[in-house]
N, C-alpha and C. Protein backbone atom coordinates (compact mmCIF):
# COMPACT_ATOMS: atom_id res chain seq x y z
N MET A 1 152.78 75.59 18.82
CA MET A 1 152.33 76.89 19.38
C MET A 1 152.57 77.94 18.42
N ALA A 2 151.71 79.02 18.58
CA ALA A 2 151.58 79.99 17.60
C ALA A 2 152.64 81.19 17.94
N SER A 3 153.15 81.81 16.95
CA SER A 3 154.30 82.78 17.40
C SER A 3 153.44 84.03 17.64
N GLU A 4 154.09 85.11 18.35
CA GLU A 4 153.50 86.18 18.86
C GLU A 4 152.98 87.06 17.67
N GLU A 5 153.73 86.98 16.50
CA GLU A 5 153.38 87.95 15.39
C GLU A 5 151.91 87.64 14.90
N GLN A 6 151.46 86.39 15.07
CA GLN A 6 150.08 86.03 14.75
C GLN A 6 148.99 86.79 15.49
N TYR A 7 149.43 87.15 16.81
CA TYR A 7 148.34 87.87 17.56
C TYR A 7 148.29 89.27 17.32
N GLU A 8 149.38 89.91 16.82
CA GLU A 8 149.51 91.31 16.61
C GLU A 8 148.67 91.81 15.58
N PHE A 9 147.85 92.94 15.86
CA PHE A 9 147.15 93.47 14.88
C PHE A 9 147.03 95.09 15.11
N ASP A 10 146.90 95.81 14.18
CA ASP A 10 146.94 97.21 14.36
C ASP A 10 145.40 97.73 13.97
N LEU A 11 144.73 98.26 14.94
CA LEU A 11 143.15 98.61 14.84
C LEU A 11 143.20 100.04 15.50
N ASP A 12 142.68 100.91 14.65
CA ASP A 12 142.47 102.24 15.13
C ASP A 12 140.90 102.40 15.41
N LEU A 13 140.78 102.36 16.73
CA LEU A 13 139.23 102.44 17.28
C LEU A 13 138.66 103.74 17.41
N LYS A 14 139.39 104.76 16.72
CA LYS A 14 138.98 106.26 16.75
C LYS A 14 138.58 106.69 18.08
N ASN A 15 137.56 107.61 18.23
CA ASN A 15 137.07 108.05 19.40
C ASN A 15 136.02 107.13 20.03
N ARG A 16 136.64 106.29 21.08
CA ARG A 16 135.79 105.13 21.55
C ARG A 16 134.47 105.53 22.14
N GLY A 17 134.42 106.76 22.76
CA GLY A 17 133.21 107.31 23.37
C GLY A 17 132.13 107.48 22.22
N ILE A 18 132.45 108.02 21.11
CA ILE A 18 131.61 108.13 19.99
C ILE A 18 131.05 106.96 19.39
N ALA A 19 132.14 106.04 19.43
CA ALA A 19 131.71 104.62 18.81
C ALA A 19 130.73 104.00 19.71
N ALA A 20 130.94 104.10 21.03
CA ALA A 20 129.93 103.43 21.91
C ALA A 20 128.57 104.12 21.88
N LEU A 21 128.57 105.38 21.74
CA LEU A 21 127.28 106.16 21.65
C LEU A 21 126.53 105.82 20.35
N LEU A 22 127.27 105.69 19.24
CA LEU A 22 126.62 105.40 17.89
C LEU A 22 126.16 103.93 18.09
N THR A 23 126.89 103.00 18.78
CA THR A 23 126.48 101.68 18.75
C THR A 23 125.13 101.55 19.55
N TRP A 24 125.07 102.50 20.76
CA TRP A 24 123.93 102.42 21.54
C TRP A 24 122.71 103.03 20.59
N LEU A 25 122.95 104.02 19.86
CA LEU A 25 121.89 104.76 19.09
C LEU A 25 121.27 103.60 18.12
N VAL A 26 122.23 103.10 17.27
CA VAL A 26 121.90 102.04 16.28
C VAL A 26 123.01 100.88 16.41
N PRO A 27 122.49 99.78 16.70
CA PRO A 27 123.47 98.65 16.94
C PRO A 27 124.42 98.49 15.63
N GLY A 28 125.68 98.50 16.01
CA GLY A 28 126.58 98.23 14.74
C GLY A 28 127.16 99.36 14.27
N VAL A 29 126.55 100.58 14.21
CA VAL A 29 126.97 101.86 13.64
C VAL A 29 128.40 102.27 14.18
N GLY A 30 128.58 102.05 15.64
CA GLY A 30 129.95 102.41 16.13
C GLY A 30 131.04 101.63 15.50
N HIS A 31 130.68 100.37 15.25
CA HIS A 31 131.69 99.49 14.47
C HIS A 31 132.02 99.89 13.06
N LEU A 32 131.01 100.46 12.35
CA LEU A 32 131.17 100.95 11.06
C LEU A 32 131.95 102.16 11.13
N TYR A 33 131.80 103.09 12.16
CA TYR A 33 132.56 104.36 12.44
C TYR A 33 134.09 103.87 12.56
N GLN A 34 134.21 102.77 13.26
CA GLN A 34 135.64 102.45 13.49
C GLN A 34 136.31 101.68 12.29
N GLY A 35 135.60 101.31 11.26
CA GLY A 35 136.06 100.75 10.25
C GLY A 35 135.96 99.17 10.20
N ARG A 36 135.33 98.71 11.26
CA ARG A 36 135.10 97.31 11.29
C ARG A 36 133.62 97.06 10.55
N ILE A 37 133.60 96.96 9.34
CA ILE A 37 132.49 96.96 8.42
C ILE A 37 131.75 95.62 8.79
N SER A 38 132.46 94.47 8.54
CA SER A 38 131.56 93.25 8.46
C SER A 38 131.00 92.98 9.96
N LYS A 39 131.80 93.34 11.10
CA LYS A 39 131.25 93.10 12.49
C LYS A 39 130.16 94.14 12.67
N GLY A 40 130.21 95.21 11.95
CA GLY A 40 129.07 96.32 12.30
C GLY A 40 127.83 95.85 11.52
N ILE A 41 127.89 95.46 10.44
CA ILE A 41 126.83 94.94 9.59
C ILE A 41 126.16 93.70 10.42
N MET A 42 127.02 92.67 10.76
CA MET A 42 126.52 91.47 11.50
C MET A 42 125.88 91.89 12.69
N ILE A 43 126.40 92.79 13.53
CA ILE A 43 125.65 93.24 14.67
C ILE A 43 124.32 93.94 14.36
N PHE A 44 124.31 94.78 13.45
CA PHE A 44 123.20 95.41 13.02
C PHE A 44 121.97 94.35 12.63
N VAL A 45 122.38 93.65 11.65
CA VAL A 45 121.43 92.60 11.23
C VAL A 45 120.87 91.75 12.38
N CYS A 46 121.81 91.24 13.15
CA CYS A 46 121.44 90.17 14.17
C CYS A 46 120.50 90.86 15.20
N ILE A 47 120.94 91.92 15.81
CA ILE A 47 120.18 92.56 16.81
C ILE A 47 118.99 93.32 16.49
N SER A 48 118.90 93.85 15.35
CA SER A 48 117.75 94.40 14.81
C SER A 48 116.65 93.36 14.43
N ALA A 49 117.06 92.25 13.75
CA ALA A 49 116.15 91.26 13.63
C ALA A 49 115.61 90.68 14.79
N LEU A 50 116.34 90.46 15.85
CA LEU A 50 115.80 89.89 17.07
C LEU A 50 114.82 90.83 17.68
N PHE A 51 115.13 92.06 17.68
CA PHE A 51 114.35 93.12 18.18
C PHE A 51 112.92 93.26 17.55
N ILE A 52 113.06 93.34 16.07
CA ILE A 52 111.94 93.34 15.37
C ILE A 52 111.07 92.15 15.44
N THR A 53 111.61 91.07 15.57
CA THR A 53 110.91 89.80 15.69
C THR A 53 110.02 89.78 16.85
N GLY A 54 110.76 90.24 18.02
CA GLY A 54 110.17 90.29 19.38
C GLY A 54 108.84 91.32 19.31
N LEU A 55 109.20 92.30 18.64
CA LEU A 55 108.02 93.39 18.62
C LEU A 55 106.83 92.88 17.72
N GLN A 56 107.15 92.31 16.76
CA GLN A 56 106.22 91.51 15.88
C GLN A 56 105.22 90.54 16.62
N MET A 57 106.09 89.66 17.36
CA MET A 57 105.34 88.62 18.30
C MET A 57 104.47 89.16 19.25
N SER A 58 104.61 90.29 19.69
CA SER A 58 103.82 90.95 20.72
C SER A 58 102.90 91.93 20.21
N GLY A 59 102.72 92.23 18.86
CA GLY A 59 102.00 93.19 18.39
C GLY A 59 102.43 94.59 18.71
N GLY A 60 103.78 94.76 18.91
CA GLY A 60 104.35 96.02 19.27
C GLY A 60 104.20 96.49 20.68
N LYS A 61 103.53 95.65 21.50
CA LYS A 61 103.37 95.86 22.85
C LYS A 61 104.49 95.53 23.82
N SER A 62 105.34 94.76 23.55
CA SER A 62 106.28 94.15 24.55
C SER A 62 107.43 95.16 25.06
N VAL A 63 107.50 96.25 24.38
CA VAL A 63 108.56 97.33 24.85
C VAL A 63 107.84 98.67 25.23
N TYR A 64 107.85 98.61 26.53
CA TYR A 64 107.06 99.96 27.13
C TYR A 64 107.72 100.18 28.33
N CYS A 65 107.75 101.33 28.93
CA CYS A 65 108.63 101.84 30.12
C CYS A 65 107.41 102.00 31.11
N SER A 66 107.56 101.47 32.30
CA SER A 66 106.82 101.74 33.42
C SER A 66 107.50 101.32 34.68
N PHE A 67 107.46 102.30 35.47
CA PHE A 67 108.29 101.95 36.87
C PHE A 67 107.27 102.26 38.06
N ARG A 68 106.00 101.89 37.83
CA ARG A 68 104.99 102.04 39.00
C ARG A 68 105.01 100.79 39.73
N LYS A 69 104.56 100.80 40.97
CA LYS A 69 104.48 99.58 41.82
C LYS A 69 103.65 98.49 41.23
N SER A 70 102.50 98.80 40.72
CA SER A 70 101.64 97.79 40.11
C SER A 70 102.09 97.38 38.81
N ASP A 71 103.02 98.09 38.14
CA ASP A 71 103.57 97.51 36.80
C ASP A 71 105.05 97.84 36.74
N PHE A 72 105.92 97.33 37.45
CA PHE A 72 107.29 97.62 37.39
C PHE A 72 107.93 96.82 36.25
N ARG A 73 108.38 97.47 35.22
CA ARG A 73 108.75 97.02 33.87
C ARG A 73 110.18 96.83 34.05
N TRP A 74 110.76 95.72 34.84
CA TRP A 74 112.27 95.68 34.99
C TRP A 74 112.78 95.17 33.53
N GLN A 75 112.05 94.52 32.68
CA GLN A 75 112.59 94.13 31.32
C GLN A 75 112.98 95.35 30.48
N PHE A 76 112.46 96.52 30.63
CA PHE A 76 112.74 97.63 29.86
C PHE A 76 114.16 98.15 30.21
N ILE A 77 114.73 97.75 31.29
CA ILE A 77 116.14 98.11 31.64
C ILE A 77 117.05 97.38 30.60
N GLY A 78 116.85 96.16 30.19
CA GLY A 78 117.46 95.58 29.24
C GLY A 78 117.27 96.01 27.78
N GLN A 79 116.01 96.22 27.63
CA GLN A 79 115.57 96.63 26.32
C GLN A 79 116.05 98.08 25.88
N PHE A 80 116.35 98.86 26.92
CA PHE A 80 116.87 100.24 26.79
C PHE A 80 118.12 100.11 26.08
N PHE A 81 118.99 99.15 26.15
CA PHE A 81 120.26 99.21 25.67
C PHE A 81 120.12 98.91 24.04
N VAL A 82 119.07 98.76 23.53
CA VAL A 82 118.89 98.73 22.01
C VAL A 82 118.81 100.06 21.50
N GLY A 83 118.73 101.19 22.37
CA GLY A 83 119.15 102.61 21.96
C GLY A 83 117.89 103.15 21.36
N SER A 84 118.13 103.69 20.05
CA SER A 84 117.07 104.64 19.62
C SER A 84 115.66 103.92 19.48
N ALA A 85 115.69 102.66 19.36
CA ALA A 85 114.41 101.95 19.32
C ALA A 85 113.63 101.84 20.49
N ALA A 86 114.26 102.12 21.77
CA ALA A 86 113.71 102.20 22.99
C ALA A 86 113.14 103.58 23.42
N ILE A 87 113.91 104.59 22.75
CA ILE A 87 113.55 106.03 23.14
C ILE A 87 112.14 106.34 22.97
N PRO A 88 111.38 105.89 22.10
CA PRO A 88 109.79 106.15 22.02
C PRO A 88 109.15 105.61 23.30
N ALA A 89 109.64 104.53 23.81
CA ALA A 89 109.01 104.06 25.11
C ALA A 89 109.00 105.03 26.13
N VAL A 90 110.15 105.66 26.33
CA VAL A 90 110.51 106.66 27.28
C VAL A 90 109.63 108.00 27.05
N VAL A 91 109.56 108.23 25.90
CA VAL A 91 108.66 109.34 25.45
C VAL A 91 107.20 109.07 25.88
N GLN A 92 106.83 107.90 25.49
CA GLN A 92 105.38 107.62 25.61
C GLN A 92 105.05 107.43 27.15
N ASN A 93 106.04 106.96 27.91
CA ASN A 93 105.80 106.91 29.31
C ASN A 93 105.52 108.33 29.93
N ARG A 94 106.39 109.21 29.53
CA ARG A 94 106.22 110.48 29.89
C ARG A 94 104.94 111.30 29.50
N VAL A 95 104.48 111.09 28.24
CA VAL A 95 103.30 111.62 27.82
C VAL A 95 102.04 110.94 28.57
N VAL A 96 102.09 109.72 28.71
CA VAL A 96 100.90 108.96 29.22
C VAL A 96 100.78 109.35 30.60
N ARG A 97 101.93 109.23 31.34
CA ARG A 97 101.92 109.57 32.83
C ARG A 97 101.30 111.07 33.20
N LYS A 98 101.79 112.00 32.29
CA LYS A 98 101.41 113.31 32.45
C LYS A 98 99.92 113.47 32.10
N GLN A 99 99.35 112.97 31.15
CA GLN A 99 98.06 112.92 30.92
C GLN A 99 97.19 112.19 31.99
N GLU A 100 97.73 111.12 32.58
CA GLU A 100 96.93 110.53 33.59
C GLU A 100 96.85 111.36 34.77
N ALA A 101 97.79 112.28 35.16
CA ALA A 101 97.59 113.24 36.40
C ALA A 101 96.34 114.13 36.11
N ASP A 102 95.96 114.45 34.94
CA ASP A 102 94.80 115.30 34.82
C ASP A 102 93.54 114.24 34.43
N PRO A 103 92.76 113.97 35.53
CA PRO A 103 91.66 113.09 35.27
C PRO A 103 90.55 113.60 34.18
N GLN A 104 90.62 114.91 33.87
CA GLN A 104 89.56 115.42 32.90
C GLN A 104 90.08 115.14 31.69
N ARG A 105 91.14 114.87 31.41
CA ARG A 105 91.66 114.76 30.12
C ARG A 105 91.73 113.37 29.55
N ALA A 106 91.42 113.07 28.35
CA ALA A 106 91.45 111.78 27.78
C ALA A 106 93.01 111.29 27.47
N ILE A 107 93.19 110.06 27.74
CA ILE A 107 94.51 109.70 27.55
C ILE A 107 94.88 109.29 26.04
N ARG A 108 95.82 110.01 25.32
CA ARG A 108 95.94 109.89 24.02
C ARG A 108 97.61 109.72 23.70
N PRO A 109 97.95 108.47 23.89
CA PRO A 109 99.38 108.26 23.58
C PRO A 109 99.69 108.50 22.11
N LEU A 110 101.10 108.82 21.95
CA LEU A 110 101.59 108.99 20.53
C LEU A 110 101.80 107.77 19.86
N PHE A 111 102.20 107.83 18.56
CA PHE A 111 102.63 106.65 17.58
C PHE A 111 101.40 105.77 17.48
N GLY A 112 100.26 105.95 17.85
CA GLY A 112 99.22 104.99 17.61
C GLY A 112 99.21 104.20 18.81
N GLY A 113 99.71 104.47 19.85
CA GLY A 113 99.70 103.63 21.08
C GLY A 113 100.94 102.61 21.18
N LYS A 114 101.79 102.64 20.20
CA LYS A 114 102.97 101.65 20.28
C LYS A 114 103.91 102.18 21.34
N PHE A 115 104.45 101.36 21.95
CA PHE A 115 105.54 101.65 23.04
C PHE A 115 104.82 102.36 24.32
N ALA A 116 103.59 102.34 24.35
CA ALA A 116 102.91 102.95 25.47
C ALA A 116 102.75 101.97 26.64
N PRO A 117 102.76 102.53 27.85
CA PRO A 117 102.35 101.58 28.90
C PRO A 117 100.86 101.36 29.01
N PRO A 118 100.51 100.17 29.42
CA PRO A 118 99.18 99.80 29.47
C PRO A 118 98.37 100.72 30.46
N ASN A 119 96.94 100.85 30.11
CA ASN A 119 96.13 101.80 30.79
C ASN A 119 95.63 100.67 31.85
N GLU A 120 95.92 100.97 33.03
CA GLU A 120 95.42 100.04 34.30
C GLU A 120 93.87 100.20 34.36
N PHE A 121 93.37 101.18 34.14
CA PHE A 121 91.97 101.35 34.34
C PHE A 121 91.09 100.46 33.35
N LEU A 122 91.64 100.26 32.16
CA LEU A 122 90.99 99.67 31.18
C LEU A 122 91.39 98.13 31.14
N GLY A 123 92.55 97.90 31.86
CA GLY A 123 92.93 96.47 32.06
C GLY A 123 93.78 96.08 30.82
N GLU A 124 94.46 96.91 30.18
CA GLU A 124 95.20 96.59 28.82
C GLU A 124 96.22 95.68 28.98
N ARG A 125 96.84 95.51 29.98
CA ARG A 125 97.89 94.42 30.06
C ARG A 125 97.30 93.09 30.17
N GLU A 126 96.26 92.86 30.80
CA GLU A 126 95.75 91.61 30.84
C GLU A 126 95.04 91.24 29.51
N GLN A 127 94.47 92.29 28.78
CA GLN A 127 94.06 92.17 27.37
C GLN A 127 95.11 91.74 26.44
N TRP A 128 96.20 92.31 26.57
CA TRP A 128 97.48 91.98 25.74
C TRP A 128 97.82 90.44 25.96
N HIS A 129 97.79 89.99 27.20
CA HIS A 129 98.27 88.55 27.56
C HIS A 129 97.21 87.74 26.96
N LEU A 130 95.96 88.14 26.94
CA LEU A 130 94.90 87.38 26.26
C LEU A 130 94.99 87.25 24.75
N ASP A 131 95.27 88.41 24.19
CA ASP A 131 95.47 88.52 22.66
C ASP A 131 96.60 87.71 22.18
N TYR A 132 97.70 87.92 22.79
CA TYR A 132 98.91 87.42 22.20
C TYR A 132 99.43 86.07 22.96
N HIS A 133 98.86 85.64 23.98
CA HIS A 133 99.16 84.50 24.84
C HIS A 133 100.77 84.44 25.13
N ALA A 134 101.30 83.43 24.83
CA ALA A 134 102.70 83.29 25.07
C ALA A 134 103.65 84.09 24.18
N TYR A 135 103.26 84.56 23.10
CA TYR A 135 103.92 85.44 22.20
C TYR A 135 104.25 86.77 22.96
N PHE A 136 103.37 87.29 23.72
CA PHE A 136 103.72 88.46 24.48
C PHE A 136 104.95 88.26 25.18
N GLN A 137 104.97 87.23 26.13
CA GLN A 137 106.16 87.00 26.89
C GLN A 137 107.44 86.58 26.08
N MET A 138 107.30 85.99 24.95
CA MET A 138 108.34 85.59 24.12
C MET A 138 108.97 86.81 23.40
N GLY A 139 107.93 87.76 22.91
CA GLY A 139 108.42 89.03 22.24
C GLY A 139 109.11 89.78 23.26
N THR A 140 108.76 89.67 24.66
CA THR A 140 109.40 90.60 25.61
C THR A 140 110.78 89.82 25.71
N LEU A 141 111.00 88.60 25.77
CA LEU A 141 112.20 87.98 25.98
C LEU A 141 113.15 88.27 24.79
N TYR A 142 112.78 88.31 23.58
CA TYR A 142 113.35 88.52 22.34
C TYR A 142 114.06 90.01 22.33
N THR A 143 113.11 90.97 22.69
CA THR A 143 113.59 92.38 22.78
C THR A 143 114.54 92.71 23.94
N PHE A 144 114.32 91.89 25.21
CA PHE A 144 115.30 92.07 26.22
C PHE A 144 116.62 91.49 25.72
N VAL A 145 116.76 90.33 25.16
CA VAL A 145 118.03 89.70 24.87
C VAL A 145 118.62 90.62 23.77
N ALA A 146 117.76 91.15 22.79
CA ALA A 146 118.49 92.11 21.88
C ALA A 146 119.17 93.05 22.54
N GLY A 147 118.60 93.77 23.60
CA GLY A 147 119.23 94.82 24.33
C GLY A 147 120.42 94.41 25.04
N LEU A 148 120.40 93.31 25.71
CA LEU A 148 121.56 92.62 26.34
C LEU A 148 122.68 92.34 25.35
N LEU A 149 122.42 91.91 24.02
CA LEU A 149 123.34 91.74 23.13
C LEU A 149 124.12 93.04 22.67
N ASN A 150 123.19 94.04 22.57
CA ASN A 150 123.63 95.40 22.09
C ASN A 150 124.75 95.99 23.22
N MET A 151 124.29 95.53 24.55
CA MET A 151 125.11 96.02 25.61
C MET A 151 126.70 95.45 25.34
N PHE A 152 126.83 94.13 24.96
CA PHE A 152 128.05 93.58 24.70
C PHE A 152 128.73 94.36 23.49
N ALA A 153 127.76 94.78 22.40
CA ALA A 153 128.43 95.44 21.30
C ALA A 153 128.93 96.69 21.73
N ILE A 154 128.24 97.47 22.46
CA ILE A 154 128.65 98.83 23.10
C ILE A 154 130.02 98.61 23.71
N PHE A 155 130.00 97.59 24.62
CA PHE A 155 131.45 97.28 25.31
C PHE A 155 132.54 97.06 24.24
N ASP A 156 132.29 96.36 23.23
CA ASP A 156 133.12 96.05 22.21
C ASP A 156 133.58 97.38 21.46
N ALA A 157 132.56 98.12 21.25
CA ALA A 157 133.03 99.44 20.47
C ALA A 157 133.78 100.32 21.22
N ALA A 158 133.52 100.36 22.55
CA ALA A 158 134.21 101.10 23.54
C ALA A 158 135.60 100.75 23.98
N CYS A 159 135.86 99.29 23.95
CA CYS A 159 136.95 98.73 24.55
C CYS A 159 137.83 98.00 23.56
N GLY A 160 137.36 97.79 22.29
CA GLY A 160 137.94 96.92 21.21
C GLY A 160 137.83 95.60 21.38
N PRO A 161 138.45 94.70 20.43
CA PRO A 161 138.40 93.21 20.58
C PRO A 161 139.24 92.95 21.74
N MET A 162 138.94 91.64 22.16
CA MET A 162 139.68 91.08 23.25
C MET A 162 140.94 90.54 22.71
N ALA A 163 141.90 90.94 23.30
CA ALA A 163 143.46 90.53 22.80
C ALA A 163 143.70 89.01 23.63
N TYR A 164 144.07 88.12 22.88
CA TYR A 164 144.33 86.82 23.27
C TYR A 164 145.90 86.81 23.62
N GLY A 165 146.34 85.83 24.65
CA GLY A 165 147.77 85.82 24.83
C GLY A 165 148.00 86.05 26.23
N ASN A 166 149.34 85.84 26.55
CA ASN A 166 149.74 86.18 27.98
C ASN A 166 149.51 87.47 28.40
N GLU A 167 148.74 87.73 29.52
CA GLU A 167 148.40 89.05 29.96
C GLU A 167 149.80 89.60 30.64
N ASN A 168 150.51 88.96 31.05
CA ASN A 168 151.77 89.31 31.74
C ASN A 168 152.92 89.49 30.79
N SER A 169 152.63 89.51 29.39
CA SER A 169 153.70 89.64 28.50
C SER A 169 153.78 90.97 27.86
N ILE A 170 154.77 91.80 27.93
CA ILE A 170 154.90 93.01 27.31
C ILE A 170 155.99 93.03 26.38
N ASN A 171 155.58 93.29 25.08
CA ASN A 171 156.69 93.30 23.97
C ASN A 171 157.45 91.93 23.91
N GLY A 172 156.77 90.84 24.32
CA GLY A 172 157.33 89.45 24.09
C GLY A 172 158.17 88.99 25.22
N GLU A 173 158.40 89.82 26.23
CA GLU A 173 159.16 89.49 27.38
C GLU A 173 158.13 89.23 28.64
N GLU A 174 158.56 88.29 29.35
CA GLU A 174 157.68 87.89 30.52
C GLU A 174 158.08 88.82 31.46
N LYS A 175 156.90 89.52 32.29
CA LYS A 175 157.24 90.33 33.39
C LYS A 175 156.39 89.76 34.70
N SER A 176 157.13 90.05 35.81
CA SER A 176 156.39 89.61 36.97
C SER A 176 155.30 90.42 37.25
N GLY A 177 154.33 90.14 38.23
CA GLY A 177 153.13 90.86 38.37
C GLY A 177 153.35 92.24 39.01
N GLU A 178 154.63 92.37 39.75
CA GLU A 178 154.89 93.66 40.19
C GLU A 178 155.27 94.69 39.11
N GLU A 179 155.88 94.20 37.97
CA GLU A 179 156.37 95.03 36.98
C GLU A 179 155.35 95.35 35.99
N VAL A 180 154.28 94.86 35.90
CA VAL A 180 153.19 94.98 34.99
C VAL A 180 152.34 96.22 35.41
N ALA A 181 152.19 97.16 34.55
CA ALA A 181 151.34 98.25 34.97
C ALA A 181 149.96 98.01 34.47
N TRP A 182 149.01 97.98 35.38
CA TRP A 182 147.64 97.83 35.07
C TRP A 182 147.02 99.20 34.92
């Protein structure tokens, strides 16, 4: 059985709110801020690679924000946790929806159309499925999973690593459930 000293560690998590915000903005940066260099680099590389791979598979079309009845993009809720990489989709949604409100105006999305919701009048979503086949759905899945993984990284930056051992043990002494302050 392992002794209690093996589980003790001293880790300064600094400002946990800032660390969580930094991790949301760029995966792993909050961990770098906390001094957990190897963990931060690993999180950045893995989540960024997964997100970029998903974008490439779908031609950059799998990440867009749309909450209309005809195209409710529930996947974007997960993709949003990737942080700064999902912000252009929110901006594009606002720009395109504002332009759609004025029928006299041509719709001109920013960023060359990347992260823009599909134009329903032109049938763009159906065309994306024809152009990319299953890669569009796989790209959506990859970017969604990247967002979910970053959600766990945000939690880790905010709360620190999980401590193993007896939860009812304080300073090596067993305490009853009534004496433990949660």
